[in-house]
Amino acid sequence: MIPEAARDRTRRRTLRSVEGPPSNRAIARAVIRDEARALLTLADELGRDFDALVELLLATRGRVICSGLGKSGLVMRKVSATLSSTGTPSWFLHPTEAMHGDLGAVCADDIALLASCSGRTQEVLALAEALRERGVLVAVLTGDAASPLSQLAHTVVSHPYVEEAGILGLAPTTSSVTLLALGDALAMTVAERRGLSVNAFSLNHPGGRLGRQCAPVTSIMRPPPWIPLVKQDDSLGEVSAEMRRTGLSVVGVLCVQGRLRGIICATHLIGANPGPAGELMIQPAVLRDHFTVLDARRALMDRGVAAGFVVDDVHRPLGVVLHTDL
C-alpha cells in the first residue's frame, strides 16, 4: 500500500463526515494524485525482472500472446496493440475463449504475457497451465510475485501493490493505470532495443494521422512553379508580386547561384523600409527531401517560422511546405 494514498483516503473520509461531500474537482484531483503516486512508485521499484522480460521478448521467434480478464484484459488488449504497432507481432487471447478452441491459434514459438493484479484469477490460471502444456513460455505481470499465477510463470514482473483510487478503494483504477504504464514501458523498451525507425513504424501505420506524419515531406510540398522565390537584390515590390502570384504569404530568397539564403514573410513587409530583399530576410527552415512530415513540422517549430523550403544537396529549392500543410 502507498502510505500517502492511504492517509489521503482516511483524511478525505474524515472531511466528508465533518464538512459534507467534496466538490467534483476535488474528487477527481484526489483520484489523479493517487494514480500519479502509483506510477512514480512503479518507476522507482522497477527491477531486474523487467530486464529479463525484455530479453525474453527480444529473443522470441514467434508472437507475443497477451491475455487477462476483466479490466486487466482490457488493458492487455491495448498493450498487445502497442507491441504490434512498434514492431513486435502480438495478439490478444481471451482466457475463456482460449479454453473453448482458441488455443489452436497458439504456436510453440510464441510467448504468453499474462496479467492478473492478484495472480489468482482462475481463468488466467487455467490458461497459464494450458499454455505450459503446449510448451509456450509464460511471462506474468502481477501485483503479487508469490501468487499461484507467478508459480506457473517462467518470468514474473511484479508491480507494487497499490490501493485503488476513489473513496471506496475497490474499483480497478490505480491497478489498471499501473498495468498500462508497465505494458507501455515494456513495448517502448523493446522497440528501442530493436532499433525501430520511423520508416519501419510507418509501414505499420499507412493510414490516419500517424501515417501522414511518417510520410515523406516531398509528398505534400508545393513544387515548381508554385515555389515563391525572389533574388537577394529584388525590391520589396517584387517580393509582394511573388506572394500575389503564388497566393502564399512567404517567399524564399536566393543568392546569385540560386541557393536558398533566407525567407521573408508577409508580416516582415509591414512598415519595412525600401531596400533589397536580402536586407529583410531571416534564416529559413531548411528541409531535406528525406525528411518526413513529422521532421518538417519539428523544423518549422524550432525555427519559429510558418513555412519551410525543401532543398537539394546544394540548397537549391525543390518545394515549399507551409505550417498549415503539416
C-alpha atoms as a PDB file:
ATOM      1  CA  MET A   1       0.000   0.000   0.000  1.00  0.00           C
ATOM      2  CA  ILE A   2       1.198   3.504  -0.744  1.00  0.00           C
ATOM      3  CA  PRO A   3       1.237   5.323   2.616  1.00  0.00           C
ATOM      4  CA  GLU A   4       0.340   8.704   1.106  1.00  0.00           C
ATOM      5  CA  ALA A   5      -2.693   7.304  -0.676  1.00  0.00           C
ATOM      6  CA  ALA A   6      -3.928   5.554   2.442  1.00  0.00           C
ATOM      7  CA  ARG A   7      -3.522   8.688   4.561  1.00  0.00           C
ATOM      8  CA  ASP A   8      -5.245  10.831   1.928  1.00  0.00           C
ATOM      9  CA  ARG A   9      -8.193   8.460   1.756  1.00  0.00           C
ATOM     10  CA  THR A  10      -8.598   8.462   5.519  1.00  0.00           C
ATOM     11  CA  ARG A  11      -8.383  12.247   5.573  1.00  0.00           C
ATOM     12  CA  ARG A  12     -10.981  12.555   2.810  1.00  0.00           C
ATOM     13  CA  ARG A  13     -13.383  10.264   4.646  1.00  0.00           C
ATOM     14  CA  THR A  14     -12.952  12.319   7.823  1.00  0.00           C
ATOM     15  CA  LEU A  15     -13.519  15.597   5.988  1.00  0.00           C
ATOM     16  CA  ARG A  16     -16.544  14.129   4.221  1.00  0.00           C
ATOM     17  CA  SER A  17     -18.190  13.266   7.545  1.00  0.00           C
ATOM     18  CA  VAL A  18     -17.428  16.704   9.005  1.00  0.00           C
ATOM     19  CA  GLU A  19     -17.716  19.092   6.050  1.00  0.00           C
ATOM     20  CA  GLY A  20     -20.055  17.237   3.728  1.00  0.00           C
ATOM     21  CA  PRO A  21     -19.447  15.918   0.187  1.00  0.00           C
ATOM     22  CA  PRO A  22     -16.349  17.286  -1.595  1.00  0.00           C
ATOM     23  CA  SER A  23     -16.595  19.061  -4.943  1.00  0.00           C
ATOM     24  CA  ASN A  24     -16.420  17.188  -8.221  1.00  0.00           C
ATOM     25  CA  ARG A  25     -12.963  18.545  -8.993  1.00  0.00           C
ATOM     26  CA  ALA A  26     -11.684  17.717  -5.514  1.00  0.00           C
ATOM     27  CA  ILE A  27     -12.722  14.084  -6.013  1.00  0.00           C
ATOM     28  CA  ALA A  28     -11.154  13.965  -9.471  1.00  0.00           C
ATOM     29  CA  ARG A  29      -7.882  15.523  -8.310  1.00  0.00           C
ATOM     30  CA  ALA A  30      -7.604  13.023  -5.473  1.00  0.00           C
ATOM     31  CA  VAL A  31      -8.040  10.117  -7.898  1.00  0.00           C
ATOM     32  CA  ILE A  32      -5.456  11.521 -10.301  1.00  0.00           C
ATOM     33  CA  ARG A  33      -2.955  12.133  -7.496  1.00  0.00           C
ATOM     34  CA  ASP A  34      -3.415   8.581  -6.189  1.00  0.00           C
ATOM     35  CA  GLU A  35      -2.706   7.209  -9.651  1.00  0.00           C
ATOM     36  CA  ALA A  36       0.259   9.535 -10.193  1.00  0.00           C
ATOM     37  CA  ARG A  37       1.849   8.357  -6.942  1.00  0.00           C
ATOM     38  CA  ALA A  38       1.362   4.769  -8.037  1.00  0.00           C
ATOM     39  CA  LEU A  39       3.181   5.430 -11.312  1.00  0.00           C
ATOM     40  CA  LEU A  40       6.112   7.068  -9.541  1.00  0.00           C
ATOM     41  CA  THR A  41       6.329   4.097  -7.194  1.00  0.00           C
ATOM     42  CA  LEU A  42       6.312   1.734 -10.176  1.00  0.00           C
ATOM     43  CA  ALA A  43       9.170   3.647 -11.812  1.00  0.00           C
ATOM     44  CA  ASP A  44      11.222   3.624  -8.623  1.00  0.00           C
ATOM     45  CA  GLU A  45      10.695  -0.096  -7.921  1.00  0.00           C
ATOM     46  CA  LEU A  46      11.210  -1.462 -11.438  1.00  0.00           C
ATOM     47  CA  GLY A  47      13.729  -4.272 -11.018  1.00  0.00           C
ATOM     48  CA  ARG A  48      15.876  -6.747 -12.888  1.00  0.00           C
ATOM     49  CA  ASP A  49      12.866  -8.946 -13.591  1.00  0.00           C
ATOM     50  CA  PHE A  50      11.866  -6.287 -16.128  1.00  0.00           C
ATOM     51  CA  ASP A  51      15.264  -6.678 -17.852  1.00  0.00           C
ATOM     52  CA  ALA A  52      14.715 -10.429 -18.057  1.00  0.00           C
ATOM     53  CA  LEU A  53      11.307  -9.984 -19.691  1.00  0.00           C
ATOM     54  CA  VAL A  54      12.686  -7.528 -22.260  1.00  0.00           C
ATOM     55  CA  GLU A  55      15.401 -10.014 -23.241  1.00  0.00           C
ATOM     56  CA  LEU A  56      12.801 -12.773 -23.484  1.00  0.00           C
ATOM     57  CA  LEU A  57      10.667 -10.739 -25.897  1.00  0.00           C
ATOM     58  CA  LEU A  58      13.688  -9.791 -27.981  1.00  0.00           C
ATOM     59  CA  ALA A  59      14.696 -13.442 -28.296  1.00  0.00           C
ATOM     60  CA  THR A  60      11.306 -14.900 -29.183  1.00  0.00           C
ATOM     61  CA  ARG A  61      10.805 -16.043 -32.779  1.00  0.00           C
ATOM     62  CA  GLY A  62       7.026 -16.110 -32.537  1.00  0.00           C
ATOM     63  CA  ARG A  63       4.352 -13.703 -31.407  1.00  0.00           C
ATOM     64  CA  VAL A  64       3.519 -12.247 -28.020  1.00  0.00           C
ATOM     65  CA  ILE A  65       0.164 -13.550 -26.805  1.00  0.00           C
ATOM     66  CA  CYS A  66      -1.331 -11.040 -24.381  1.00  0.00           C
ATOM     67  CA  SER A  67      -4.139 -12.046 -22.044  1.00  0.00           C
ATOM     68  CA  GLY A  68      -6.021 -11.067 -18.937  1.00  0.00           C
ATOM     69  CA  LEU A  69      -9.573 -10.940 -17.630  1.00  0.00           C
ATOM     70  CA  GLY A  70     -11.803  -8.026 -16.717  1.00  0.00           C
ATOM     71  CA  LYS A  71     -10.058  -4.658 -16.539  1.00  0.00           C
ATOM     72  CA  SER A  72      -6.672  -6.362 -16.869  1.00  0.00           C
ATOM     73  CA  GLY A  73      -7.899  -7.925 -20.097  1.00  0.00           C
ATOM     74  CA  LEU A  74      -8.931  -4.550 -21.474  1.00  0.00           C
ATOM     75  CA  VAL A  75      -5.511  -3.131 -20.658  1.00  0.00           C
ATOM     76  CA  MET A  76      -3.738  -6.091 -22.217  1.00  0.00           C
ATOM     77  CA  ARG A  77      -5.656  -5.597 -25.455  1.00  0.00           C
ATOM     78  CA  LYS A  78      -4.080  -2.151 -25.644  1.00  0.00           C
ATOM     79  CA  VAL A  79      -0.629  -3.473 -24.690  1.00  0.00           C
ATOM     80  CA  SER A  80      -0.902  -6.062 -27.467  1.00  0.00           C
ATOM     81  CA  ALA A  81      -1.851  -3.380 -29.987  1.00  0.00           C
ATOM     82  CA  THR A  82       1.083  -1.199 -28.909  1.00  0.00           C
ATOM     83  CA  LEU A  83       3.532  -4.092 -29.239  1.00  0.00           C
ATOM     84  CA  SER A  84       2.316  -4.879 -32.757  1.00  0.00           C
ATOM     85  CA  SER A  85       2.408  -1.268 -33.885  1.00  0.00           C
ATOM     86  CA  THR A  86       6.002  -0.875 -32.696  1.00  0.00           C
ATOM     87  CA  GLY A  87       7.472  -3.928 -34.369  1.00  0.00           C
ATOM     88  CA  THR A  88       6.695  -6.833 -32.005  1.00  0.00           C
ATOM     89  CA  PRO A  89       3.957  -9.057 -33.507  1.00  0.00           C
ATOM     90  CA  SER A  90       1.279  -9.647 -30.895  1.00  0.00           C
ATOM     91  CA  TRP A  91      -2.360 -10.616 -30.485  1.00  0.00           C
ATOM     92  CA  PHE A  92      -4.854 -10.777 -27.635  1.00  0.00           C
ATOM     93  CA  LEU A  93      -6.220 -14.111 -26.451  1.00  0.00           C
ATOM     94  CA  HIS A  94      -9.292 -14.096 -24.223  1.00  0.00           C
ATOM     95  CA  PRO A  95      -8.690 -16.603 -21.408  1.00  0.00           C
ATOM     96  CA  THR A  96     -12.211 -18.052 -21.574  1.00  0.00           C
ATOM     97  CA  GLU A  97     -12.348 -18.308 -25.366  1.00  0.00           C
ATOM     98  CA  ALA A  98      -8.915 -19.923 -25.266  1.00  0.00           C
ATOM     99  CA  MET A  99     -10.322 -22.849 -23.322  1.00  0.00           C
ATOM    100  CA  HIS A 100     -13.019 -23.333 -25.962  1.00  0.00           C
ATOM    101  CA  GLY A 101     -10.908 -23.655 -29.091  1.00  0.00           C
ATOM    102  CA  ASP A 102      -8.840 -20.504 -29.492  1.00  0.00           C
ATOM    103  CA  LEU A 103      -5.776 -22.274 -28.087  1.00  0.00           C
ATOM    104  CA  GLY A 104      -5.461 -23.752 -31.561  1.00  0.00           C
ATOM    105  CA  ALA A 105      -4.019 -20.450 -32.764  1.00  0.00           C
ATOM    106  CA  VAL A 106      -1.080 -20.688 -30.360  1.00  0.00           C
ATOM    107  CA  CYS A 107       2.288 -21.839 -31.726  1.00  0.00           C
ATOM    108  CA  ALA A 108       5.203 -23.295 -29.793  1.00  0.00           C
ATOM    109  CA  ASP A 109       7.454 -20.347 -30.685  1.00  0.00           C
ATOM    110  CA  ASP A 110       5.027 -17.855 -29.156  1.00  0.00           C
ATOM    111  CA  ILE A 111       5.430 -16.314 -25.718  1.00  0.00           C
ATOM    112  CA  ALA A 112       2.478 -15.590 -23.446  1.00  0.00           C
ATOM    113  CA  LEU A 113       2.236 -12.334 -21.487  1.00  0.00           C
ATOM    114  CA  LEU A 114      -0.486 -12.787 -18.869  1.00  0.00           C
ATOM    115  CA  ALA A 115      -1.732 -10.127 -16.465  1.00  0.00           C
ATOM    116  CA  SER A 116      -3.541 -10.502 -13.160  1.00  0.00           C
ATOM    117  CA  CYS A 117      -3.241  -8.000 -10.339  1.00  0.00           C
ATOM    118  CA  SER A 118      -3.980 -10.625  -7.687  1.00  0.00           C
ATOM    119  CA  GLY A 119      -2.345 -13.505  -9.529  1.00  0.00           C
ATOM    120  CA  ARG A 120      -5.330 -15.659  -8.525  1.00  0.00           C
ATOM    121  CA  THR A 121      -7.806 -15.201 -11.378  1.00  0.00           C
ATOM    122  CA  GLN A 122      -8.994 -18.733 -12.076  1.00  0.00           C
ATOM    123  CA  GLU A 123      -9.481 -18.289 -15.828  1.00  0.00           C
ATOM    124  CA  VAL A 124      -5.974 -16.890 -16.236  1.00  0.00           C
ATOM    125  CA  LEU A 125      -4.521 -19.678 -14.093  1.00  0.00           C
ATOM    126  CA  ALA A 126      -6.203 -22.260 -16.324  1.00  0.00           C
ATOM    127  CA  LEU A 127      -4.831 -20.556 -19.406  1.00  0.00           C
ATOM    128  CA  ALA A 128      -1.292 -20.489 -17.980  1.00  0.00           C
ATOM    129  CA  GLU A 129      -1.440 -24.232 -17.289  1.00  0.00           C
ATOM    130  CA  ALA A 130      -2.753 -24.965 -20.794  1.00  0.00           C
ATOM    131  CA  LEU A 131      -0.037 -22.840 -22.398  1.00  0.00           C
ATOM    132  CA  ARG A 132       2.698 -24.548 -20.413  1.00  0.00           C
ATOM    133  CA  GLU A 133       1.394 -27.923 -21.581  1.00  0.00           C
ATOM    134  CA  ARG A 134       1.867 -26.720 -25.152  1.00  0.00           C
ATOM    135  CA  GLY A 135       5.468 -25.730 -24.426  1.00  0.00           C
ATOM    136  CA  VAL A 136       4.795 -21.983 -24.551  1.00  0.00           C
ATOM    137  CA  LEU A 137       6.871 -19.708 -22.332  1.00  0.00           C
ATOM    138  CA  VAL A 138       4.691 -17.839 -19.852  1.00  0.00           C
ATOM    139  CA  ALA A 139       5.516 -14.360 -18.540  1.00  0.00           C
ATOM    140  CA  VAL A 140       3.349 -12.733 -15.893  1.00  0.00           C
ATOM    141  CA  LEU A 141       2.601  -9.146 -14.904  1.00  0.00           C
ATOM    142  CA  THR A 142       1.159  -9.159 -11.390  1.00  0.00           C
ATOM    143  CA  GLY A 143       0.942  -7.330  -8.109  1.00  0.00           C
ATOM    144  CA  ASP A 144       1.878 -10.473  -6.159  1.00  0.00           C
ATOM    145  CA  ALA A 145       5.153 -12.196  -7.026  1.00  0.00           C
ATOM    146  CA  ALA A 146       4.254 -15.101  -4.710  1.00  0.00           C
ATOM    147  CA  SER A 147       0.807 -15.746  -6.215  1.00  0.00           C
ATOM    148  CA  PRO A 148      -0.295 -19.059  -7.797  1.00  0.00           C
ATOM    149  CA  LEU A 149      -0.025 -17.499 -11.252  1.00  0.00           C
ATOM    150  CA  SER A 150       3.546 -16.427 -10.557  1.00  0.00           C
ATOM    151  CA  GLN A 151       4.402 -20.026  -9.671  1.00  0.00           C
ATOM    152  CA  LEU A 152       3.370 -21.079 -13.182  1.00  0.00           C
ATOM    153  CA  ALA A 153       5.460 -18.414 -14.934  1.00  0.00           C
ATOM    154  CA  HIS A 154       8.915 -18.613 -16.430  1.00  0.00           C
ATOM    155  CA  THR A 155       9.347 -14.866 -15.831  1.00  0.00           C
ATOM    156  CA  VAL A 156       7.481 -12.618 -13.390  1.00  0.00           C
ATOM    157  CA  VAL A 157       7.399  -8.821 -13.373  1.00  0.00           C
ATOM    158  CA  SER A 158       5.666  -7.636 -10.246  1.00  0.00           C
ATOM    159  CA  HIS A 159       4.322  -4.131  -9.897  1.00  0.00           C
ATOM    160  CA  PRO A 160       3.868  -2.668  -6.406  1.00  0.00           C
ATOM    161  CA  TYR A 161       0.566  -3.281  -4.680  1.00  0.00           C
ATOM    162  CA  VAL A 162      -1.444  -0.096  -4.571  1.00  0.00           C
ATOM    163  CA  GLU A 163      -4.799   0.635  -3.036  1.00  0.00           C
ATOM    164  CA  GLU A 164      -7.336   1.533  -5.690  1.00  0.00           C
ATOM    165  CA  ALA A 165      -8.283   5.184  -6.091  1.00  0.00           C
ATOM    166  CA  GLY A 166     -11.639   6.521  -5.008  1.00  0.00           C
ATOM    167  CA  ILE A 167     -13.440   6.767  -1.696  1.00  0.00           C
ATOM    168  CA  LEU A 168     -14.052   3.001  -1.509  1.00  0.00           C
ATOM    169  CA  GLY A 169     -10.705   1.855  -2.848  1.00  0.00           C
ATOM    170  CA  LEU A 170     -12.318  -1.114  -4.603  1.00  0.00           C
ATOM    171  CA  ALA A 171     -12.921  -0.487  -8.326  1.00  0.00           C
ATOM    172  CA  PRO A 172      -9.890  -1.262 -10.527  1.00  0.00           C
ATOM    173  CA  THR A 173      -8.388   2.170 -11.149  1.00  0.00           C
ATOM    174  CA  THR A 174      -4.863   2.619  -9.887  1.00  0.00           C
ATOM    175  CA  SER A 175      -4.010  -1.012 -10.638  1.00  0.00           C
ATOM    176  CA  SER A 176      -5.211  -0.601 -14.249  1.00  0.00           C
ATOM    177  CA  VAL A 177      -3.166   2.565 -14.760  1.00  0.00           C
ATOM    178  CA  THR A 178      -0.098   0.866 -13.290  1.00  0.00           C
ATOM    179  CA  LEU A 179      -0.506  -2.164 -15.556  1.00  0.00           C
ATOM    180  CA  LEU A 180      -0.971   0.052 -18.597  1.00  0.00           C
ATOM    181  CA  ALA A 181       2.162   2.050 -17.801  1.00  0.00           C
ATOM    182  CA  LEU A 182       4.134  -1.155 -17.283  1.00  0.00           C
ATOM    183  CA  GLY A 183       2.914  -2.504 -20.634  1.00  0.00           C
ATOM    184  CA  ASP A 184       3.783   0.747 -22.415  1.00  0.00           C
ATOM    185  CA  ALA A 185       7.223   0.785 -20.810  1.00  0.00           C
ATOM    186  CA  LEU A 186       7.798  -2.784 -21.968  1.00  0.00           C
ATOM    187  CA  ALA A 187       6.680  -2.099 -25.546  1.00  0.00           C
ATOM    188  CA  MET A 188       8.734   1.082 -25.864  1.00  0.00           C
ATOM    189  CA  THR A 189      11.839  -0.525 -24.368  1.00  0.00           C
ATOM    190  CA  VAL A 190      11.640  -3.474 -26.764  1.00  0.00           C
ATOM    191  CA  ALA A 191      11.029  -1.130 -29.713  1.00  0.00           C
ATOM    192  CA  GLU A 192      14.078   0.969 -28.849  1.00  0.00           C
ATOM    193  CA  ARG A 193      16.226  -2.103 -28.352  1.00  0.00           C
ATOM    194  CA  ARG A 194      15.114  -3.344 -31.783  1.00  0.00           C
ATOM    195  CA  GLY A 195      16.139  -0.010 -33.290  1.00  0.00           C
ATOM    196  CA  LEU A 196      12.663   0.824 -34.545  1.00  0.00           C
ATOM    197  CA  SER A 197      12.915   3.502 -37.254  1.00  0.00           C
ATOM    198  CA  VAL A 198      10.332   5.976 -38.486  1.00  0.00           C
ATOM    199  CA  ASN A 199      10.206   4.127 -41.810  1.00  0.00           C
ATOM    200  CA  ALA A 200       9.537   0.810 -40.094  1.00  0.00           C
ATOM    201  CA  PHE A 201       6.908   2.426 -37.892  1.00  0.00           C
ATOM    202  CA  SER A 202       5.213   3.967 -40.931  1.00  0.00           C
ATOM    203  CA  LEU A 203       4.822   0.538 -42.564  1.00  0.00           C
ATOM    204  CA  ASN A 204       2.520  -0.404 -39.683  1.00  0.00           C
ATOM    205  CA  HIS A 205       0.636   2.924 -39.840  1.00  0.00           C
ATOM    206  CA  PRO A 206      -0.108   3.651 -43.513  1.00  0.00           C
ATOM    207  CA  GLY A 207      -3.338   5.498 -42.711  1.00  0.00           C
ATOM    208  CA  GLY A 208      -4.627   8.190 -40.406  1.00  0.00           C
ATOM    209  CA  ARG A 209      -2.726  10.939 -38.652  1.00  0.00           C
ATOM    210  CA  LEU A 210       0.225   8.723 -37.704  1.00  0.00           C
ATOM    211  CA  GLY A 211       0.625   7.553 -41.281  1.00  0.00           C
ATOM    212  CA  ARG A 212       0.555  11.128 -42.516  1.00  0.00           C
ATOM    213  CA  GLN A 213       3.262  12.207 -40.063  1.00  0.00           C
ATOM    214  CA  CYS A 214       5.518   9.398 -41.285  1.00  0.00           C
ATOM    215  CA  ALA A 215       5.006  10.219 -44.978  1.00  0.00           C
ATOM    216  CA  PRO A 216       7.891  11.874 -46.885  1.00  0.00           C
ATOM    217  CA  VAL A 217       7.728  15.653 -46.890  1.00  0.00           C
ATOM    218  CA  THR A 218       8.086  15.580 -50.686  1.00  0.00           C
ATOM    219  CA  SER A 219       4.588  14.068 -50.858  1.00  0.00           C
ATOM    220  CA  ILE A 220       2.991  17.265 -49.510  1.00  0.00           C
ATOM    221  CA  MET A 221       5.368  20.014 -50.688  1.00  0.00           C
ATOM    222  CA  ARG A 222       4.301  22.548 -53.321  1.00  0.00           C
ATOM    223  CA  PRO A 223       6.620  22.030 -56.312  1.00  0.00           C
ATOM    224  CA  PRO A 224       7.594  24.439 -59.125  1.00  0.00           C
ATOM    225  CA  PRO A 225       6.132  26.693 -60.417  1.00  0.00           C
ATOM    226  CA  TRP A 226       4.380  27.292 -57.092  1.00  0.00           C
ATOM    227  CA  ILE A 227       7.555  27.886 -55.102  1.00  0.00           C
ATOM    228  CA  PRO A 228       7.639  31.594 -54.158  1.00  0.00           C
ATOM    229  CA  LEU A 229      11.179  32.772 -54.873  1.00  0.00           C
ATOM    230  CA  VAL A 230      12.978  36.104 -55.247  1.00  0.00           C
ATOM    231  CA  LYS A 231      16.625  37.163 -55.545  1.00  0.00           C
ATOM    232  CA  GLN A 232      18.594  38.970 -52.864  1.00  0.00           C
ATOM    233  CA  ASP A 233      18.642  42.245 -54.794  1.00  0.00           C
ATOM    234  CA  ASP A 234      14.935  42.192 -55.712  1.00  0.00           C
ATOM    235  CA  SER A 235      12.796  45.050 -54.394  1.00  0.00           C
ATOM    236  CA  LEU A 236      10.012  44.791 -51.851  1.00  0.00           C
ATOM    237  CA  GLY A 237       7.561  45.398 -54.693  1.00  0.00           C
ATOM    238  CA  GLU A 238       8.872  42.274 -56.431  1.00  0.00           C
ATOM    239  CA  VAL A 239       8.572  40.367 -53.162  1.00  0.00           C
ATOM    240  CA  SER A 240       4.902  41.405 -52.868  1.00  0.00           C
ATOM    241  CA  ALA A 241       4.264  40.490 -56.505  1.00  0.00           C
ATOM    242  CA  GLU A 242       5.695  36.992 -55.973  1.00  0.00           C
ATOM    243  CA  MET A 243       3.465  36.488 -52.936  1.00  0.00           C
ATOM    244  CA  ARG A 244       0.441  37.502 -55.001  1.00  0.00           C
ATOM    245  CA  ARG A 245       1.462  35.183 -57.847  1.00  0.00           C
ATOM    246  CA  THR A 246       1.648  32.091 -55.660  1.00  0.00           C
ATOM    247  CA  GLY A 247      -1.031  33.071 -53.158  1.00  0.00           C
ATOM    248  CA  LEU A 248       1.391  32.391 -50.310  1.00  0.00           C
ATOM    249  CA  SER A 249       2.455  34.741 -47.538  1.00  0.00           C
ATOM    250  CA  VAL A 250       6.128  33.797 -47.727  1.00  0.00           C
ATOM    251  CA  VAL A 251       8.956  33.891 -50.265  1.00  0.00           C
ATOM    252  CA  GLY A 252      12.355  32.267 -50.381  1.00  0.00           C
ATOM    253  CA  VAL A 253      15.353  34.474 -51.049  1.00  0.00           C
ATOM    254  CA  LEU A 254      18.057  33.138 -53.394  1.00  0.00           C
ATOM    255  CA  CYS A 255      21.691  34.110 -53.823  1.00  0.00           C
ATOM    256  CA  VAL A 256      23.123  34.660 -57.303  1.00  0.00           C
ATOM    257  CA  GLN A 257      23.978  30.953 -57.564  1.00  0.00           C
ATOM    258  CA  GLY A 258      20.314  30.034 -56.995  1.00  0.00           C
ATOM    259  CA  ARG A 259      20.808  28.692 -53.471  1.00  0.00           C
ATOM    260  CA  LEU A 260      18.347  29.389 -50.678  1.00  0.00           C
ATOM    261  CA  ARG A 261      19.666  32.079 -48.346  1.00  0.00           C
ATOM    262  CA  GLY A 262      16.628  33.209 -46.366  1.00  0.00           C
ATOM    263  CA  ILE A 263      12.885  33.804 -46.255  1.00  0.00           C
ATOM    264  CA  ILE A 264      10.577  36.793 -45.998  1.00  0.00           C
ATOM    265  CA  CYS A 265       7.088  36.547 -44.528  1.00  0.00           C
ATOM    266  CA  ALA A 266       4.244  38.952 -45.307  1.00  0.00           C
ATOM    267  CA  THR A 267       4.434  40.301 -41.758  1.00  0.00           C
ATOM    268  CA  HIS A 268       8.010  41.448 -42.449  1.00  0.00           C
ATOM    269  CA  LEU A 269       6.737  43.822 -45.117  1.00  0.00           C
ATOM    270  CA  ILE A 270       4.592  45.856 -42.722  1.00  0.00           C
ATOM    271  CA  GLY A 271       6.370  49.165 -42.147  1.00  0.00           C
ATOM    272  CA  ALA A 272       9.562  47.909 -43.793  1.00  0.00           C
ATOM    273  CA  ASN A 273      11.989  50.445 -45.233  1.00  0.00           C
ATOM    274  CA  PRO A 274      12.505  50.252 -49.010  1.00  0.00           C
ATOM    275  CA  GLY A 275      15.503  48.129 -49.838  1.00  0.00           C
ATOM    276  CA  PRO A 276      16.584  44.832 -51.385  1.00  0.00           C
ATOM    277  CA  ALA A 277      15.096  41.539 -50.210  1.00  0.00           C
ATOM    278  CA  GLY A 278      18.458  40.446 -48.831  1.00  0.00           C
ATOM    279  CA  GLU A 279      18.270  43.108 -46.125  1.00  0.00           C
ATOM    280  CA  LEU A 280      14.872  41.952 -44.877  1.00  0.00           C
ATOM    281  CA  MET A 281      15.233  38.166 -44.998  1.00  0.00           C
ATOM    282  CA  ILE A 282      15.596  35.923 -41.955  1.00  0.00           C
ATOM    283  CA  GLN A 283      17.159  32.475 -41.632  1.00  0.00           C
ATOM    284  CA  PRO A 284      14.965  29.862 -43.314  1.00  0.00           C
ATOM    285  CA  ALA A 285      13.716  26.483 -42.112  1.00  0.00           C
ATOM    286  CA  VAL A 286      15.667  24.154 -44.395  1.00  0.00           C
ATOM    287  CA  LEU A 287      14.066  20.787 -45.143  1.00  0.00           C
ATOM    288  CA  ARG A 288      15.718  17.887 -46.943  1.00  0.00           C
ATOM    289  CA  ASP A 289      13.989  15.542 -49.352  1.00  0.00           C
ATOM    290  CA  HIS A 290      14.480  12.587 -46.988  1.00  0.00           C
ATOM    291  CA  PHE A 291      12.564  14.342 -44.189  1.00  0.00           C
ATOM    292  CA  THR A 292       9.209  13.019 -43.022  1.00  0.00           C
ATOM    293  CA  VAL A 293       6.236  15.284 -42.415  1.00  0.00           C
ATOM    294  CA  LEU A 294       6.976  14.982 -38.697  1.00  0.00           C
ATOM    295  CA  ASP A 295      10.603  16.059 -39.285  1.00  0.00           C
ATOM    296  CA  ALA A 296       9.382  19.082 -41.228  1.00  0.00           C
ATOM    297  CA  ARG A 297       6.902  20.035 -38.528  1.00  0.00           C
ATOM    298  CA  ARG A 298       9.629  19.953 -35.892  1.00  0.00           C
ATOM    299  CA  ALA A 299      11.982  22.001 -38.080  1.00  0.00           C
ATOM    300  CA  LEU A 300       9.371  24.732 -38.532  1.00  0.00           C
ATOM    301  CA  MET A 301       8.658  24.789 -34.814  1.00  0.00           C
ATOM    302  CA  ASP A 302      12.373  25.012 -33.987  1.00  0.00           C
ATOM    303  CA  ARG A 303      12.809  27.983 -36.329  1.00  0.00           C
ATOM    304  CA  GLY A 304       9.528  29.603 -35.322  1.00  0.00           C
ATOM    305  CA  VAL A 305       8.502  30.180 -38.951  1.00  0.00           C
ATOM    306  CA  ALA A 306       5.316  29.448 -40.898  1.00  0.00           C
ATOM    307  CA  ALA A 307       6.974  27.783 -43.908  1.00  0.00           C
ATOM    308  CA  GLY A 308       9.964  25.696 -44.867  1.00  0.00           C
ATOM    309  CA  PHE A 309      11.740  25.049 -48.145  1.00  0.00           C
ATOM    310  CA  VAL A 310      12.763  21.579 -49.301  1.00  0.00           C
ATOM    311  CA  VAL A 311      16.233  21.825 -50.849  1.00  0.00           C
ATOM    312  CA  ASP A 312      18.672  19.552 -52.662  1.00  0.00           C
ATOM    313  CA  ASP A 313      22.289  18.844 -51.710  1.00  0.00           C
ATOM    314  CA  VAL A 314      23.449  22.312 -52.813  1.00  0.00           C
ATOM    315  CA  HIS A 315      20.475  24.146 -51.238  1.00  0.00           C
ATOM    316  CA  ARG A 316      18.528  24.748 -54.434  1.00  0.00           C
ATOM    317  CA  PRO A 317      14.775  24.814 -53.642  1.00  0.00           C
ATOM    318  CA  LEU A 318      12.724  21.779 -54.650  1.00  0.00           C
ATOM    319  CA  GLY A 319       9.473  22.741 -52.969  1.00  0.00           C
ATOM    320  CA  VAL A 320       7.822  24.705 -50.198  1.00  0.00           C
ATOM    321  CA  VAL A 321       5.782  23.494 -47.219  1.00  0.00           C
ATOM    322  CA  LEU A 322       3.507  25.684 -45.114  1.00  0.00           C
ATOM    323  CA  HIS A 323       2.810  25.046 -41.442  1.00  0.00           C
ATOM    324  CA  THR A 324      -0.855  24.567 -42.369  1.00  0.00           C
ATOM    325  CA  ASP A 325       0.165  21.767 -44.731  1.00  0.00           C
ATOM    326  CA  LEU A 326       1.532  19.862 -41.747  1.00  0.00           C
END
